[in-house]
Structure formats: C-alpha cells, structure tokens
PDB file of N, CA and C in Angstrom:
ATOM      1  N   UNK A   1      89.765-116.069 -10.246  1.00  0.00           N
ATOM      2  CA  UNK A   1      90.008-115.501 -11.551  1.00  0.00           C
ATOM      3  C   UNK A   1      88.814-115.813 -12.440  1.00  0.00           C
ATOM      4  N   UNK A   2      88.289-114.776 -13.023  1.00  0.00           N
ATOM      5  CA  UNK A   2      87.134-114.965 -13.894  1.00  0.00           C
ATOM      6  C   UNK A   2      87.512-114.565 -15.310  1.00  0.00           C
ATOM      7  N   UNK A   3      87.184-115.396 -16.282  1.00  0.00           N
ATOM      8  CA  UNK A   3      87.425-114.999 -17.666  1.00  0.00           C
ATOM      9  C   UNK A   3      86.416-113.932 -18.069  1.00  0.00           C
ATOM     10  N   UNK A   4      86.796-113.057 -18.948  1.00  0.00           N
ATOM     11  CA  UNK A   4      85.898-112.026 -19.480  1.00  0.00           C
ATOM     12  C   UNK A   4      85.399-111.105 -18.364  1.00  0.00           C
ATOM     13  N   UNK A   5      84.194-110.627 -18.492  1.00  0.00           N
ATOM     14  CA  UNK A   5      83.630-109.666 -17.542  1.00  0.00           C
ATOM     15  C   UNK A   5      82.737-110.360 -16.523  1.00  0.00           C
ATOM     16  N   UNK A   6      83.172-110.407 -15.281  1.00  0.00           N
ATOM     17  CA  UNK A   6      82.377-111.020 -14.221  1.00  0.00           C
ATOM     18  C   UNK A   6      81.878-109.969 -13.237  1.00  0.00           C
ATOM     19  N   UNK A   7      82.031-108.689 -13.570  1.00  0.00           N
ATOM     20  CA  UNK A   7      81.699-107.614 -12.643  1.00  0.00           C
ATOM     21  C   UNK A   7      80.273-107.701 -12.113  1.00  0.00           C
ATOM     22  N   UNK A   8      79.326-107.878 -12.987  1.00  0.00           N
ATOM     23  CA  UNK A   8      77.922-107.895 -12.562  1.00  0.00           C
ATOM     24  C   UNK A   8      77.643-109.077 -11.634  1.00  0.00           C
ATOM     25  N   UNK A   9      78.197-110.237 -11.943  1.00  0.00           N
ATOM     26  CA  UNK A   9      77.979-111.411 -11.106  1.00  0.00           C
ATOM     27  C   UNK A   9      78.622-111.243  -9.730  1.00  0.00           C
ATOM     28  N   UNK A  10      79.838-110.722  -9.698  1.00  0.00           N
ATOM     29  CA  UNK A  10      80.526-110.499  -8.429  1.00  0.00           C
ATOM     30  C   UNK A  10      79.792-109.465  -7.581  1.00  0.00           C
ATOM     31  N   UNK A  11      79.319-108.399  -8.205  1.00  0.00           N
ATOM     32  CA  UNK A  11      78.577-107.369  -7.477  1.00  0.00           C
ATOM     33  C   UNK A  11      77.277-107.947  -6.913  1.00  0.00           C
ATOM     34  N   UNK A  12      76.620-108.812  -7.666  1.00  0.00           N
ATOM     35  CA  UNK A  12      75.400-109.463  -7.182  1.00  0.00           C
ATOM     36  C   UNK A  12      75.698-110.270  -5.919  1.00  0.00           C
ATOM     37  N   UNK A  13      76.775-111.041  -5.937  1.00  0.00           N
ATOM     38  CA  UNK A  13      77.155-111.828  -4.766  1.00  0.00           C
ATOM     39  C   UNK A  13      77.437-110.924  -3.571  1.00  0.00           C
ATOM     40  N   UNK A  14      78.038-109.777  -3.817  1.00  0.00           N
ATOM     41  CA  UNK A  14      78.314-108.810  -2.761  1.00  0.00           C
ATOM     42  C   UNK A  14      77.017-108.215  -2.209  1.00  0.00           C
ATOM     43  N   UNK A  15      76.137-107.780  -3.099  1.00  0.00           N
ATOM     44  CA  UNK A  15      74.871-107.168  -2.667  1.00  0.00           C
ATOM     45  C   UNK A  15      74.003-108.143  -1.876  1.00  0.00           C
ATOM     46  N   UNK A  16      74.066-109.412  -2.216  1.00  0.00           N
ATOM     47  CA  UNK A  16      73.265-110.439  -1.531  1.00  0.00           C
ATOM     48  C   UNK A  16      73.918-110.925  -0.238  1.00  0.00           C
ATOM     49  N   UNK A  17      75.141-110.443   0.053  1.00  0.00           N
ATOM     50  CA  UNK A  17      75.824-110.851   1.280  1.00  0.00           C
ATOM     51  C   UNK A  17      76.516-112.194   1.180  1.00  0.00           C
ATOM     52  N   UNK A  18      76.638-112.725  -0.015  1.00  0.00           N
ATOM     53  CA  UNK A  18      77.300-114.016  -0.227  1.00  0.00           C
ATOM     54  C   UNK A  18      78.816-113.827  -0.238  1.00  0.00           C
ATOM     55  N   UNK A  19      79.275-112.714  -0.798  1.00  0.00           N
ATOM     56  CA  UNK A  19      80.702-112.372  -0.811  1.00  0.00           C
ATOM     57  C   UNK A  19      80.920-111.163   0.099  1.00  0.00           C
ATOM     58  N   UNK A  20      81.869-111.276   1.015  1.00  0.00           N
ATOM     59  CA  UNK A  20      82.174-110.169   1.922  1.00  0.00           C
ATOM     60  C   UNK A  20      83.103-109.146   1.295  1.00  0.00           C
ATOM     61  N   UNK A  21      83.944-109.585   0.380  1.00  0.00           N
ATOM     62  CA  UNK A  21      84.961-108.729  -0.212  1.00  0.00           C
ATOM     63  C   UNK A  21      85.295-109.277  -1.596  1.00  0.00           C
ATOM     64  N   UNK A  22      85.518-108.363  -2.531  1.00  0.00           N
ATOM     65  CA  UNK A  22      85.902-108.764  -3.883  1.00  0.00           C
ATOM     66  C   UNK A  22      87.275-108.178  -4.175  1.00  0.00           C
ATOM     67  N   UNK A  23      88.196-109.011  -4.588  1.00  0.00           N
ATOM     68  CA  UNK A  23      89.523-108.550  -4.996  1.00  0.00           C
ATOM     69  C   UNK A  23      89.453-108.261  -6.483  1.00  0.00           C
ATOM     70  N   UNK A  24      89.815-107.043  -6.868  1.00  0.00           N
ATOM     71  CA  UNK A  24      89.637-106.627  -8.254  1.00  0.00           C
ATOM     72  C   UNK A  24      90.724-105.660  -8.705  1.00  0.00           C
ATOM     73  N   UNK A  25      90.921-105.601  -9.993  1.00  0.00           N
ATOM     74  CA  UNK A  25      91.797-104.616 -10.615  1.00  0.00           C
ATOM     75  C   UNK A  25      90.969-103.452 -11.153  1.00  0.00           C
ATOM     76  N   UNK A  26      89.660-103.564 -11.077  1.00  0.00           N
ATOM     77  CA  UNK A  26      88.762-102.669 -11.787  1.00  0.00           C
ATOM     78  C   UNK A  26      87.721-102.079 -10.829  1.00  0.00           C
ATOM     79  N   UNK A  27      87.658-100.784 -10.700  1.00  0.00           N
ATOM     80  CA  UNK A  27      86.705-100.150  -9.792  1.00  0.00           C
ATOM     81  C   UNK A  27      85.286-100.128 -10.353  1.00  0.00           C
ATOM     82  N   UNK A  28      85.076-100.677 -11.546  1.00  0.00           N
ATOM     83  CA  UNK A  28      83.729-100.736 -12.132  1.00  0.00           C
ATOM     84  C   UNK A  28      82.738-101.471 -11.236  1.00  0.00           C
ATOM     85  N   UNK A  29      83.233-102.319 -10.367  1.00  0.00           N
ATOM     86  CA  UNK A  29      82.343-103.063  -9.489  1.00  0.00           C
ATOM     87  C   UNK A  29      81.495-102.132  -8.623  1.00  0.00           C
ATOM     88  N   UNK A  30      82.000-100.943  -8.317  1.00  0.00           N
ATOM     89  CA  UNK A  30      81.206 -99.977  -7.536  1.00  0.00           C
ATOM     90  C   UNK A  30      79.952 -99.575  -8.296  1.00  0.00           C
ATOM     91  N   UNK A  31      80.070 -99.364  -9.588  1.00  0.00           N
ATOM     92  CA  UNK A  31      78.916 -98.987 -10.395  1.00  0.00           C
ATOM     93  C   UNK A  31      77.868-100.089 -10.415  1.00  0.00           C
ATOM     94  N   UNK A  32      78.305-101.332 -10.294  1.00  0.00           N
ATOM     95  CA  UNK A  32      77.383-102.463 -10.249  1.00  0.00           C
ATOM     96  C   UNK A  32      76.807-102.673  -8.849  1.00  0.00           C
ATOM     97  N   UNK A  33      77.279-101.903  -7.865  1.00  0.00           N
ATOM     98  CA  UNK A  33      76.727-101.979  -6.518  1.00  0.00           C
ATOM     99  C   UNK A  33      77.450-102.893  -5.561  1.00  0.00           C
ATOM    100  N   UNK A  34      78.679-103.312  -5.896  1.00  0.00           N
ATOM    101  CA  UNK A  34      79.450-104.137  -4.960  1.00  0.00           C
ATOM    102  C   UNK A  34      79.726-103.331  -3.695  1.00  0.00           C
ATOM    103  N   UNK A  35      79.593-103.961  -2.549  1.00  0.00           N
ATOM    104  CA  UNK A  35      79.701-103.262  -1.264  1.00  0.00           C
ATOM    105  C   UNK A  35      81.142-102.957  -0.848  1.00  0.00           C
ATOM    106  N   UNK A  36      82.029-103.952  -0.979  1.00  0.00           N
ATOM    107  CA  UNK A  36      83.396-103.767  -0.501  1.00  0.00           C
ATOM    108  C   UNK A  36      84.361-104.487  -1.427  1.00  0.00           C
ATOM    109  N   UNK A  37      85.430-103.766  -1.810  1.00  0.00           N
ATOM    110  CA  UNK A  37      86.413-104.325  -2.723  1.00  0.00           C
ATOM    111  C   UNK A  37      87.826-104.057  -2.228  1.00  0.00           C
ATOM    112  N   UNK A  38      88.707-104.955  -2.562  1.00  0.00           N
ATOM    113  CA  UNK A  38      90.134-104.744  -2.388  1.00  0.00           C
ATOM    114  C   UNK A  38      90.652-104.487  -3.794  1.00  0.00           C
ATOM    115  N   UNK A  39      91.096-103.269  -4.023  1.00  0.00           N
ATOM    116  CA  UNK A  39      91.395-102.750  -5.352  1.00  0.00           C
ATOM    117  C   UNK A  39      92.899-102.695  -5.558  1.00  0.00           C
ATOM    118  N   UNK A  40      93.350-103.158  -6.723  1.00  0.00           N
ATOM    119  CA  UNK A  40      94.767-103.087  -7.114  1.00  0.00           C
ATOM    120  C   UNK A  40      95.692-103.737  -6.079  1.00  0.00           C
ATOM    121  N   UNK A  41      95.338-104.942  -5.664  1.00  0.00           N
ATOM    122  CA  UNK A  41      96.171-105.673  -4.709  1.00  0.00           C
ATOM    123  C   UNK A  41      97.486-106.072  -5.370  1.00  0.00           C
ATOM    124  N   UNK A  42      98.589-105.714  -4.742  1.00  0.00           N
ATOM    125  CA  UNK A  42      99.917-106.129  -5.180  1.00  0.00           C
ATOM    126  C   UNK A  42     100.259-107.399  -4.407  1.00  0.00           C
ATOM    127  N   UNK A  43     100.297-108.528  -5.099  1.00  0.00           N
ATOM    128  CA  UNK A  43     100.495-109.808  -4.428  1.00  0.00           C
ATOM    129  C   UNK A  43     101.902-109.975  -3.861  1.00  0.00           C
ATOM    130  N   UNK A  44     102.859-109.199  -4.347  1.00  0.00           N
ATOM    131  CA  UNK A  44     104.215-109.317  -3.792  1.00  0.00           C
ATOM    132  C   UNK A  44     104.320-108.609  -2.442  1.00  0.00           C
ATOM    133  N   UNK A  45     103.597-107.498  -2.279  1.00  0.00           N
ATOM    134  CA  UNK A  45     103.639-106.766  -1.001  1.00  0.00           C
ATOM    135  C   UNK A  45     102.377-106.985  -0.171  1.00  0.00           C
ATOM    136  N   UNK A  46     101.339-107.552  -0.803  1.00  0.00           N
ATOM    137  CA  UNK A  46     100.028-107.753  -0.181  1.00  0.00           C
ATOM    138  C   UNK A  46      99.414-106.423   0.278  1.00  0.00           C
ATOM    139  N   UNK A  47      99.652-105.384  -0.543  1.00  0.00           N
ATOM    140  CA  UNK A  47      99.089-104.062  -0.269  1.00  0.00           C
ATOM    141  C   UNK A  47      98.138-103.701  -1.402  1.00  0.00           C
ATOM    142  N   UNK A  48      96.990-103.184  -1.023  1.00  0.00           N
ATOM    143  CA  UNK A  48      95.996-102.710  -1.980  1.00  0.00           C
ATOM    144  C   UNK A  48      95.175-101.620  -1.331  1.00  0.00           C
ATOM    145  N   UNK A  49      94.160-101.172  -2.010  1.00  0.00           N
ATOM    146  CA  UNK A  49      93.278-100.132  -1.479  1.00  0.00           C
ATOM    147  C   UNK A  49      91.893-100.711  -1.260  1.00  0.00           C
ATOM    148  N   UNK A  50      91.326-100.419  -0.099  1.00  0.00           N
ATOM    149  CA  UNK A  50      89.959-100.863   0.165  1.00  0.00           C
ATOM    150  C   UNK A  50      88.995 -99.817  -0.378  1.00  0.00           C
ATOM    151  N   UNK A  51      88.013-100.264  -1.136  1.00  0.00           N
ATOM    152  CA  UNK A  51      86.935 -99.407  -1.612  1.00  0.00           C
ATOM    153  C   UNK A  51      85.657 -99.899  -0.957  1.00  0.00           C
ATOM    154  N   UNK A  52      84.966 -98.997  -0.274  1.00  0.00           N
ATOM    155  CA  UNK A  52      83.744 -99.356   0.429  1.00  0.00           C
ATOM    156  C   UNK A  52      82.626 -98.458  -0.085  1.00  0.00           C
ATOM    157  N   UNK A  53      81.622 -99.049  -0.712  1.00  0.00           N
ATOM    158  CA  UNK A  53      80.537 -98.277  -1.320  1.00  0.00           C
ATOM    159  C   UNK A  53      79.820 -97.401  -0.294  1.00  0.00           C
ATOM    160  N   UNK A  54      79.679 -97.886   0.934  1.00  0.00           N
ATOM    161  CA  UNK A  54      79.010 -97.093   1.975  1.00  0.00           C
ATOM    162  C   UNK A  54      79.785 -95.829   2.332  1.00  0.00           C
ATOM    163  N   UNK A  55      81.095 -95.837   2.118  1.00  0.00           N
ATOM    164  CA  UNK A  55      81.919 -94.673   2.453  1.00  0.00           C
ATOM    165  C   UNK A  55      81.996 -93.652   1.323  1.00  0.00           C
ATOM    166  N   UNK A  56      81.502 -93.999   0.150  1.00  0.00           N
ATOM    167  CA  UNK A  56      81.533 -93.075  -0.988  1.00  0.00           C
ATOM    168  C   UNK A  56      80.730 -91.817  -0.667  1.00  0.00           C
ATOM    169  N   UNK A  57      79.612 -91.970   0.020  1.00  0.00           N
ATOM    170  CA  UNK A  57      78.759 -90.810   0.301  1.00  0.00           C
ATOM    171  C   UNK A  57      79.443 -89.798   1.204  1.00  0.00           C
ATOM    172  N   UNK A  58      80.425 -90.219   1.985  1.00  0.00           N
ATOM    173  CA  UNK A  58      81.117 -89.283   2.868  1.00  0.00           C
ATOM    174  C   UNK A  58      82.449 -88.804   2.292  1.00  0.00           C
ATOM    175  N   UNK A  59      82.685 -89.081   1.025  1.00  0.00           N
ATOM    176  CA  UNK A  59      83.928 -88.699   0.374  1.00  0.00           C
ATOM    177  C   UNK A  59      84.080 -87.173   0.318  1.00  0.00           C
ATOM    178  N   UNK A  60      85.289 -86.704   0.493  1.00  0.00           N
ATOM    179  CA  UNK A  60      85.555 -85.268   0.368  1.00  0.00           C
ATOM    180  C   UNK A  60      85.673 -84.844  -1.090  1.00  0.00           C
ATOM    181  N   UNK A  61      85.966 -85.803  -1.944  1.00  0.00           N
ATOM    182  CA  UNK A  61      86.151 -85.515  -3.369  1.00  0.00           C
ATOM    183  C   UNK A  61      84.845 -85.182  -4.060  1.00  0.00           C
ATOM    184  N   UNK A  62      83.792 -85.906  -3.735  1.00  0.00           N
ATOM    185  CA  UNK A  62      82.500 -85.702  -4.382  1.00  0.00           C
ATOM    186  C   UNK A  62      81.404 -86.065  -3.384  1.00  0.00           C
ATOM    187  N   UNK A  63      80.340 -85.293  -3.355  1.00  0.00           N
ATOM    188  CA  UNK A  63      79.258 -85.510  -2.403  1.00  0.00           C
ATOM    189  C   UNK A  63      78.155 -86.349  -3.049  1.00  0.00           C
ATOM    190  N   UNK A  64      78.046 -87.597  -2.643  1.00  0.00           N
ATOM    191  CA  UNK A  64      77.023 -88.501  -3.166  1.00  0.00           C
ATOM    192  C   UNK A  64      75.959 -88.828  -2.118  1.00  0.00           C
ATOM    193  N   UNK A  65      75.876 -88.049  -1.028  1.00  0.00           N
ATOM    194  CA  UNK A  65      75.021 -88.393   0.101  1.00  0.00           C
ATOM    195  C   UNK A  65      73.569 -88.622  -0.286  1.00  0.00           C
ATOM    196  N   UNK A  66      73.027 -87.828  -1.147  1.00  0.00           N
ATOM    197  CA  UNK A  66      71.605 -87.956  -1.488  1.00  0.00           C
ATOM    198  C   UNK A  66      71.376 -88.588  -2.861  1.00  0.00           C
ATOM    199  N   UNK A  67      72.435 -89.068  -3.496  1.00  0.00           N
ATOM    200  CA  UNK A  67      72.318 -89.680  -4.818  1.00  0.00           C
ATOM    201  C   UNK A  67      71.605 -91.036  -4.733  1.00  0.00           C
ATOM    202  N   UNK A  68      70.760 -91.290  -5.709  1.00  0.00           N
ATOM    203  CA  UNK A  68      70.215 -92.628  -5.872  1.00  0.00           C
ATOM    204  C   UNK A  68      71.291 -93.478  -6.550  1.00  0.00           C
ATOM    205  N   UNK A  69      71.095 -94.803  -6.576  1.00  0.00           N
ATOM    206  CA  UNK A  69      72.074 -95.646  -7.267  1.00  0.00           C
ATOM    207  C   UNK A  69      72.117 -95.302  -8.754  1.00  0.00           C
ATOM    208  N   UNK A  70      70.963 -94.963  -9.328  1.00  0.00           N
ATOM    209  CA  UNK A  70      70.911 -94.600 -10.754  1.00  0.00           C
ATOM    210  C   UNK A  70      71.730 -93.337 -11.017  1.00  0.00           C
ATOM    211  N   UNK A  71      71.645 -92.349 -10.132  1.00  0.00           N
ATOM    212  CA  UNK A  71      72.437 -91.124 -10.286  1.00  0.00           C
ATOM    213  C   UNK A  71      73.932 -91.433 -10.154  1.00  0.00           C
ATOM    214  N   UNK A  72      74.285 -92.300  -9.198  1.00  0.00           N
ATOM    215  CA  UNK A  72      75.681 -92.694  -9.019  1.00  0.00           C
ATOM    216  C   UNK A  72      76.189 -93.418 -10.262  1.00  0.00           C
ATOM    217  N   UNK A  73      75.390 -94.345 -10.773  1.00  0.00           N
ATOM    218  CA  UNK A  73      75.752 -95.090 -11.975  1.00  0.00           C
ATOM    219  C   UNK A  73      75.927 -94.154 -13.166  1.00  0.00           C
ATOM    220  N   UNK A  74      75.026 -93.202 -13.339  1.00  0.00           N
ATOM    221  CA  UNK A  74      75.124 -92.237 -14.431  1.00  0.00           C
ATOM    222  C   UNK A  74      76.404 -91.412 -14.305  1.00  0.00           C
ATOM    223  N   UNK A  75      76.745 -91.014 -13.083  1.00  0.00           N
ATOM    224  CA  UNK A  75      77.984 -90.279 -12.837  1.00  0.00           C
ATOM    225  C   UNK A  75      79.185 -91.122 -13.248  1.00  0.00           C
ATOM    226  N   UNK A  76      79.179 -92.390 -12.871  1.00  0.00           N
ATOM    227  CA  UNK A  76      80.284 -93.294 -13.230  1.00  0.00           C
ATOM    228  C   UNK A  76      80.431 -93.413 -14.741  1.00  0.00           C
ATOM    229  N   UNK A  77      79.321 -93.588 -15.429  1.00  0.00           N
ATOM    230  CA  UNK A  77      79.353 -93.745 -16.885  1.00  0.00           C
ATOM    231  C   UNK A  77      79.862 -92.475 -17.551  1.00  0.00           C
ATOM    232  N   UNK A  78      79.365 -91.322 -17.103  1.00  0.00           N
ATOM    233  CA  UNK A  78      79.797 -90.052 -17.704  1.00  0.00           C
ATOM    234  C   UNK A  78      81.282 -89.781 -17.476  1.00  0.00           C
ATOM    235  N   UNK A  79      81.816 -90.245 -16.357  1.00  0.00           N
ATOM    236  CA  UNK A  79      83.222 -89.965 -16.065  1.00  0.00           C
ATOM    237  C   UNK A  79      84.166 -90.903 -16.807  1.00  0.00           C
ATOM    238  N   UNK A  80      83.608 -91.888 -17.493  1.00  0.00           N
ATOM    239  CA  UNK A  80      84.418 -92.799 -18.298  1.00  0.00           C
ATOM    240  C   UNK A  80      84.163 -94.232 -17.907  1.00  0.00           C
ATOM    241  N   UNK A  81      84.002 -95.078 -18.893  1.00  0.00           N
ATOM    242  CA  UNK A  81      83.762 -96.492 -18.616  1.00  0.00           C
ATOM    243  C   UNK A  81      84.452 -97.341 -19.685  1.00  0.00           C
ATOM    244  N   UNK A  82      84.413 -98.644 -19.480  1.00  0.00           N
ATOM    245  CA  UNK A  82      85.092 -99.582 -20.388  1.00  0.00           C
ATOM    246  C   UNK A  82      84.438 -99.671 -21.767  1.00  0.00           C
ATOM    247  N   UNK A  83      83.184 -99.239 -21.876  1.00  0.00           N
ATOM    248  CA  UNK A  83      82.415 -99.492 -23.080  1.00  0.00           C
ATOM    249  C   UNK A  83      82.268 -98.279 -24.000  1.00  0.00           C
ATOM    250  N   UNK A  84      82.627 -97.094 -23.504  1.00  0.00           N
ATOM    251  CA  UNK A  84      82.479 -95.865 -24.289  1.00  0.00           C
ATOM    252  C   UNK A  84      83.726 -95.008 -24.149  1.00  0.00           C
ATOM    253  N   UNK A  85      83.988 -94.182 -25.130  1.00  0.00           N
ATOM    254  CA  UNK A  85      85.070 -93.208 -25.002  1.00  0.00           C
ATOM    255  C   UNK A  85      84.655 -92.145 -23.999  1.00  0.00           C
ATOM    256  N   UNK A  86      85.622 -91.633 -23.263  1.00  0.00           N
ATOM    257  CA  UNK A  86      85.344 -90.598 -22.276  1.00  0.00           C
ATOM    258  C   UNK A  86      85.036 -89.284 -22.982  1.00  0.00           C
ATOM    259  N   UNK A  87      84.121 -88.519 -22.434  1.00  0.00           N
ATOM    260  CA  UNK A  87      83.787 -87.197 -22.969  1.00  0.00           C
ATOM    261  C   UNK A  87      84.878 -86.234 -22.517  1.00  0.00           C
ATOM    262  N   UNK A  88      85.484 -85.512 -23.460  1.00  0.00           N
ATOM    263  CA  UNK A  88      86.549 -84.562 -23.117  1.00  0.00           C
ATOM    264  C   UNK A  88      86.066 -83.569 -22.070  1.00  0.00           C
ATOM    265  N   UNK A  89      86.883 -83.382 -21.032  1.00  0.00           N
ATOM    266  CA  UNK A  89      86.580 -82.405 -20.005  1.00  0.00           C
ATOM    267  C   UNK A  89      85.616 -82.888 -18.928  1.00  0.00           C
ATOM    268  N   UNK A  90      85.185 -84.156 -19.009  1.00  0.00           N
ATOM    269  CA  UNK A  90      84.262 -84.681 -18.002  1.00  0.00           C
ATOM    270  C   UNK A  90      84.974 -85.776 -17.212  1.00  0.00           C
ATOM    271  N   UNK A  91      85.283 -85.472 -15.962  1.00  0.00           N
ATOM    272  CA  UNK A  91      85.842 -86.453 -15.038  1.00  0.00           C
ATOM    273  C   UNK A  91      84.813 -86.724 -13.957  1.00  0.00           C
ATOM    274  N   UNK A  92      85.225 -87.398 -12.909  1.00  0.00           N
ATOM    275  CA  UNK A  92      84.282 -87.782 -11.854  1.00  0.00           C
ATOM    276  C   UNK A  92      83.678 -86.559 -11.158  1.00  0.00           C
ATOM    277  N   UNK A  93      84.475 -85.538 -10.880  1.00  0.00           N
ATOM    278  CA  UNK A  93      83.954 -84.359 -10.175  1.00  0.00           C
ATOM    279  C   UNK A  93      82.945 -83.589 -11.032  1.00  0.00           C
ATOM    280  N   UNK A  94      83.272 -83.371 -12.291  1.00  0.00           N
ATOM    281  CA  UNK A  94      82.366 -82.644 -13.186  1.00  0.00           C
ATOM    282  C   UNK A  94      81.087 -83.442 -13.407  1.00  0.00           C
ATOM    283  N   UNK A  95      81.212 -84.742 -13.602  1.00  0.00           N
ATOM    284  CA  UNK A  95      80.030 -85.591 -13.795  1.00  0.00           C
ATOM    285  C   UNK A  95      79.143 -85.559 -12.553  1.00  0.00           C
ATOM    286  N   UNK A  96      79.746 -85.665 -11.373  1.00  0.00           N
ATOM    287  CA  UNK A  96      78.977 -85.653 -10.119  1.00  0.00           C
ATOM    288  C   UNK A  96      78.248 -84.332  -9.941  1.00  0.00           C
ATOM    289  N   UNK A  97      78.905 -83.231 -10.204  1.00  0.00           N
ATOM    290  CA  UNK A  97      78.263 -81.914 -10.058  1.00  0.00           C
ATOM    291  C   UNK A  97      77.112 -81.761 -11.045  1.00  0.00           C
ATOM    292  N   UNK A  98      77.318 -82.215 -12.272  1.00  0.00           N
ATOM    293  CA  UNK A  98      76.268 -82.106 -13.292  1.00  0.00           C
ATOM    294  C   UNK A  98      75.053 -82.951 -12.932  1.00  0.00           C
ATOM    295  N   UNK A  99      75.278 -84.198 -12.566  1.00  0.00           N
ATOM    296  CA  UNK A  99      74.161 -85.076 -12.218  1.00  0.00           C
ATOM    297  C   UNK A  99      73.499 -84.590 -10.927  1.00  0.00           C
ATOM    298  N   UNK A 100      74.255 -84.023 -10.033  1.00  0.00           N
ATOM    299  CA  UNK A 100      73.673 -83.429  -8.826  1.00  0.00           C
ATOM    300  C   UNK A 100      72.715 -82.290  -9.145  1.00  0.00           C
ATOM    301  N   UNK A 101      72.989 -81.555 -10.217  1.00  0.00           N
ATOM    302  CA  UNK A 101      72.115 -80.446 -10.637  1.00  0.00           C
ATOM    303  C   UNK A 101      70.890 -80.934 -11.400  1.00  0.00           C
ATOM    304  N   UNK A 102      71.103 -81.852 -12.335  1.00  0.00           N
ATOM    305  CA  UNK A 102      70.024 -82.220 -13.264  1.00  0.00           C
ATOM    306  C   UNK A 102      69.399 -83.582 -12.967  1.00  0.00           C
ATOM    307  N   UNK A 103      70.039 -84.421 -12.182  1.00  0.00           N
ATOM    308  CA  UNK A 103      69.609 -85.732 -11.671  1.00  0.00           C
ATOM    309  C   UNK A 103      69.479 -86.865 -12.688  1.00  0.00           C
ATOM    310  N   UNK A 104      69.445 -86.581 -13.982  1.00  0.00           N
ATOM    311  CA  UNK A 104      69.297 -87.654 -14.974  1.00  0.00           C
ATOM    312  C   UNK A 104      70.265 -87.451 -16.132  1.00  0.00           C
ATOM    313  N   UNK A 105      70.492 -88.525 -16.880  1.00  0.00           N
ATOM    314  CA  UNK A 105      71.332 -88.439 -18.069  1.00  0.00           C
ATOM    315  C   UNK A 105      70.684 -87.531 -19.107  1.00  0.00           C
ATOM    316  N   UNK A 106      69.372 -87.635 -19.258  1.00  0.00           N
ATOM    317  CA  UNK A 106      68.642 -86.781 -20.205  1.00  0.00           C
ATOM    318  C   UNK A 106      68.827 -85.305 -19.832  1.00  0.00           C
ATOM    319  N   UNK A 107      68.759 -85.013 -18.543  1.00  0.00           N
ATOM    320  CA  UNK A 107      68.993 -83.644 -18.081  1.00  0.00           C
ATOM    321  C   UNK A 107      70.406 -83.186 -18.380  1.00  0.00           C
ATOM    322  N   UNK A 108      71.379 -84.095 -18.239  1.00  0.00           N
ATOM    323  CA  UNK A 108      72.769 -83.786 -18.553  1.00  0.00           C
ATOM    324  C   UNK A 108      72.914 -83.442 -20.032  1.00  0.00           C
ATOM    325  N   UNK A 109      72.264 -84.230 -20.887  1.00  0.00           N
ATOM    326  CA  UNK A 109      72.346 -83.955 -22.328  1.00  0.00           C
ATOM    327  C   UNK A 109      71.722 -82.599 -22.665  1.00  0.00           C
ATOM    328  N   UNK A 110      70.613 -82.257 -22.004  1.00  0.00           N
ATOM    329  CA  UNK A 110      70.006 -80.944 -22.213  1.00  0.00           C
ATOM    330  C   UNK A 110      70.948 -79.831 -21.770  1.00  0.00           C
ATOM    331  N   UNK A 111      71.597 -80.021 -20.628  1.00  0.00           N
ATOM    332  CA  UNK A 111      72.556 -79.031 -20.130  1.00  0.00           C
ATOM    333  C   UNK A 111      73.742 -78.905 -21.084  1.00  0.00           C
ATOM    334  N   UNK A 112      74.222 -80.037 -21.574  1.00  0.00           N
ATOM    335  CA  UNK A 112      75.328 -80.043 -22.516  1.00  0.00           C
ATOM    336  C   UNK A 112      74.941 -79.339 -23.811  1.00  0.00           C
ATOM    337  N   UNK A 113      73.731 -79.605 -24.296  1.00  0.00           N
ATOM    338  CA  UNK A 113      73.234 -78.970 -25.513  1.00  0.00           C
ATOM    339  C   UNK A 113      73.155 -77.461 -25.378  1.00  0.00           C
ATOM    340  N   UNK A 114      72.773 -76.979 -24.208  1.00  0.00           N
ATOM    341  CA  UNK A 114      72.706 -75.537 -23.981  1.00  0.00           C
ATOM    342  C   UNK A 114      74.086 -74.893 -24.030  1.00  0.00           C
ATOM    343  N   UNK A 115      75.111 -75.616 -23.596  1.00  0.00           N
ATOM    344  CA  UNK A 115      76.481 -75.090 -23.615  1.00  0.00           C
ATOM    345  C   UNK A 115      77.034 -75.041 -25.034  1.00  0.00           C
ATOM    346  N   UNK A 116      76.589 -75.978 -25.878  1.00  0.00           N
ATOM    347  CA  UNK A 116      77.085 -76.046 -27.244  1.00  0.00           C
ATOM    348  C   UNK A 116      76.435 -74.970 -28.110  1.00  0.00           C
ATOM    349  N   UNK A 117      75.145 -74.736 -27.891  1.00  0.00           N
ATOM    350  CA  UNK A 117      74.407 -73.752 -28.736  1.00  0.00           C
ATOM    351  C   UNK A 117      74.797 -72.347 -28.459  1.00  0.00           C
TER     352      UNK A 117
END
C-alpha cells in the first residue's frame, strides 16, 4: 500500500525488472510503462484482470503496433486522466485513431482546431 501517487515509482520498478507484477486499482500504470499489472483485484474472490503492456499492441480494440511510448502516453492522456477533465467525445478509440493520424499532441490540437473553425 502506497500513500498518495506511487504510479511512477512502481512503473519504474517494473520497467527495470525489479517488480514482476503490480497489483493496482488504477490502469494509469500502463501510461507510465509498467509491464504487467493485476488490475481491480477482489480480495474476497481473489479475481482480477491481468493487464500486460506487451499485449496492448495486439488488442482488437485499438491498434498500437507501431506507436511509440510517447504516442501511447498521449493517447492515454487524451482519453482521460486523473489530472485533467476528459474532452467531450474523446475516448480511447477516438484518441488512438487521432494520434495514429497526426502522431503528436500538437498535431491533434491542429486537427481539433480545423474541426472547430
């Protein structure tokens, strides 16, 4: 149990191979680059969901195969995060498609600006 936000530290331990698995209530660890997580573990049934960063690229929901970590992180932020309000109408699929087209946050803002004008 970590007080406050330990996501970045836990992800670092995962990336360095010090931690094999992180038990978490928060999928934000993927954005920080954590390799493998046990998500939403119910301690009464001992059932949770495994999240594996290496398997994200083969997801049927969104294609991240050629994304850099920066593009993946930008997609995560655009789809909603703990620190900002979510942009109306932008979920993970829309964010992934947009970043796949423009590759950067600046490009996304330019694309968004064109839709508004």
